[in-house]
Amino acid sequence: MTVHLKKLSVGSESLASLRHWQTERVRNGMELMHVTRNTPRRADEVLDGGSIFWVIKGVMCARQPITELRSMQRADGKPACGIVLAPEI
């Protein structure tokens, strides 16, 4: 069964500002990735067609497919999970 994630797009004023931020990341050669402290418990189900549903200013307003979950380390040395996103919103 596919599992989706709901995430706050902190700092975004609108869907247009989220798109602009992501476009700039890609233009600068960076991956589209949302880093979070914990890996989803149902990772296999997230990777089976799951998406992030972005919440901006209290409204769920966009869906973006998840392509990969990557183990990472934060700047302070603690573990993290990089949620790699498809470019389409």
Protein backbone atom coordinates (compact mmCIF):
# COMPACT_ATOMS: atom_id res chain seq x y z
CA MET A 1 0.00 0.00 0.00
CA THR A 2 1.37 3.41 -0.96
CA VAL A 3 2.05 5.86 1.87
CA HIS A 4 2.24 9.63 1.36
CA LEU A 5 3.89 12.24 3.60
CA LYS A 6 2.57 15.65 4.63
CA LYS A 7 5.20 18.36 5.15
CA LEU A 8 5.13 22.06 5.95
CA SER A 9 6.87 24.21 3.35
CA VAL A 10 8.44 26.57 5.88
CA GLY A 11 9.33 29.93 4.38
CA SER A 12 7.10 29.56 1.32
CA GLU A 13 4.56 32.32 0.88
CA SER A 14 2.75 30.53 -1.95
CA LEU A 15 2.96 27.61 -4.34
CA ALA A 16 4.72 29.96 -6.76
CA SER A 17 7.45 30.70 -4.19
CA LEU A 18 7.97 26.95 -3.57
CA ARG A 19 8.28 26.39 -7.33
CA HIS A 20 10.71 29.31 -7.64
CA TRP A 21 12.90 27.99 -4.79
CA GLN A 22 13.00 24.52 -6.35
CA THR A 23 13.74 25.90 -9.84
CA GLU A 24 16.68 27.87 -8.43
CA ARG A 25 18.07 24.75 -6.71
CA VAL A 26 17.95 22.79 -9.97
CA ARG A 27 19.45 25.71 -11.91
CA ASN A 28 22.36 25.75 -9.43
CA GLY A 29 22.98 22.03 -9.95
CA MET A 30 21.47 20.91 -6.65
CA GLU A 31 19.12 18.01 -6.03
CA LEU A 32 15.52 18.53 -4.97
CA MET A 33 15.64 17.15 -1.46
CA HIS A 34 13.80 17.71 1.80
CA VAL A 35 15.97 16.75 4.78
CA THR A 36 14.25 15.49 7.91
CA ARG A 37 15.51 14.04 11.19
CA ASN A 38 13.84 10.67 10.91
CA THR A 39 13.52 8.13 8.12
CA PRO A 40 9.86 7.24 7.53
CA ARG A 41 8.99 4.00 9.38
CA ARG A 42 7.15 2.68 6.34
CA ALA A 43 9.91 3.56 3.87
CA ASP A 44 9.15 0.72 1.44
CA GLU A 45 5.55 1.91 1.15
CA VAL A 46 6.63 5.54 0.69
CA LEU A 47 8.90 4.46 -2.18
CA ASP A 48 6.04 2.50 -3.78
CA GLY A 49 4.53 5.57 -5.46
CA GLY A 50 4.44 7.90 -2.44
CA SER A 51 4.50 11.69 -2.58
CA ILE A 52 4.99 14.68 -0.33
CA PHE A 53 1.87 16.80 0.05
CA TRP A 54 3.14 20.33 0.69
CA VAL A 55 1.31 22.51 3.24
CA ILE A 56 1.74 26.25 2.71
CA LYS A 57 0.16 28.71 5.15
CA GLY A 58 -2.08 25.98 6.58
CA VAL A 59 -3.38 24.77 3.21
CA MET A 60 -2.40 21.50 1.55
CA CYS A 61 -1.73 22.83 -1.93
CA ALA A 62 0.73 20.64 -3.85
CA ARG A 63 1.80 17.05 -4.42
CA GLN A 64 5.35 16.06 -5.36
CA PRO A 65 6.45 12.46 -6.02
CA ILE A 66 9.21 10.95 -3.86
CA THR A 67 11.95 9.16 -5.81
CA GLU A 68 14.39 8.11 -3.08
CA LEU A 69 15.02 8.08 0.67
CA ARG A 70 18.69 8.65 1.45
CA SER A 71 20.51 8.18 4.76
CA MET A 72 22.48 11.32 5.57
CA GLN A 73 24.26 13.11 8.35
CA ARG A 74 23.39 16.62 9.53
CA ALA A 75 26.04 19.28 10.07
CA ASP A 76 26.01 18.47 13.80
CA GLY A 77 26.83 14.81 13.06
CA LYS A 78 23.38 13.44 13.88
CA PRO A 79 21.61 11.13 11.42
CA ALA A 80 19.02 12.46 8.98
CA CYS A 81 16.96 11.33 6.00
CA GLY A 82 17.08 13.05 2.63
CA ILE A 83 13.76 12.75 0.82
CA VAL A 84 14.66 13.09 -2.87
CA LEU A 85 11.85 14.58 -4.93
CA ALA A 86 10.81 14.40 -8.57
CA PRO A 87 10.94 17.79 -10.33
CA GLU A 88 7.22 17.99 -11.07
CA ILE A 89 4.86 19.53 -8.52
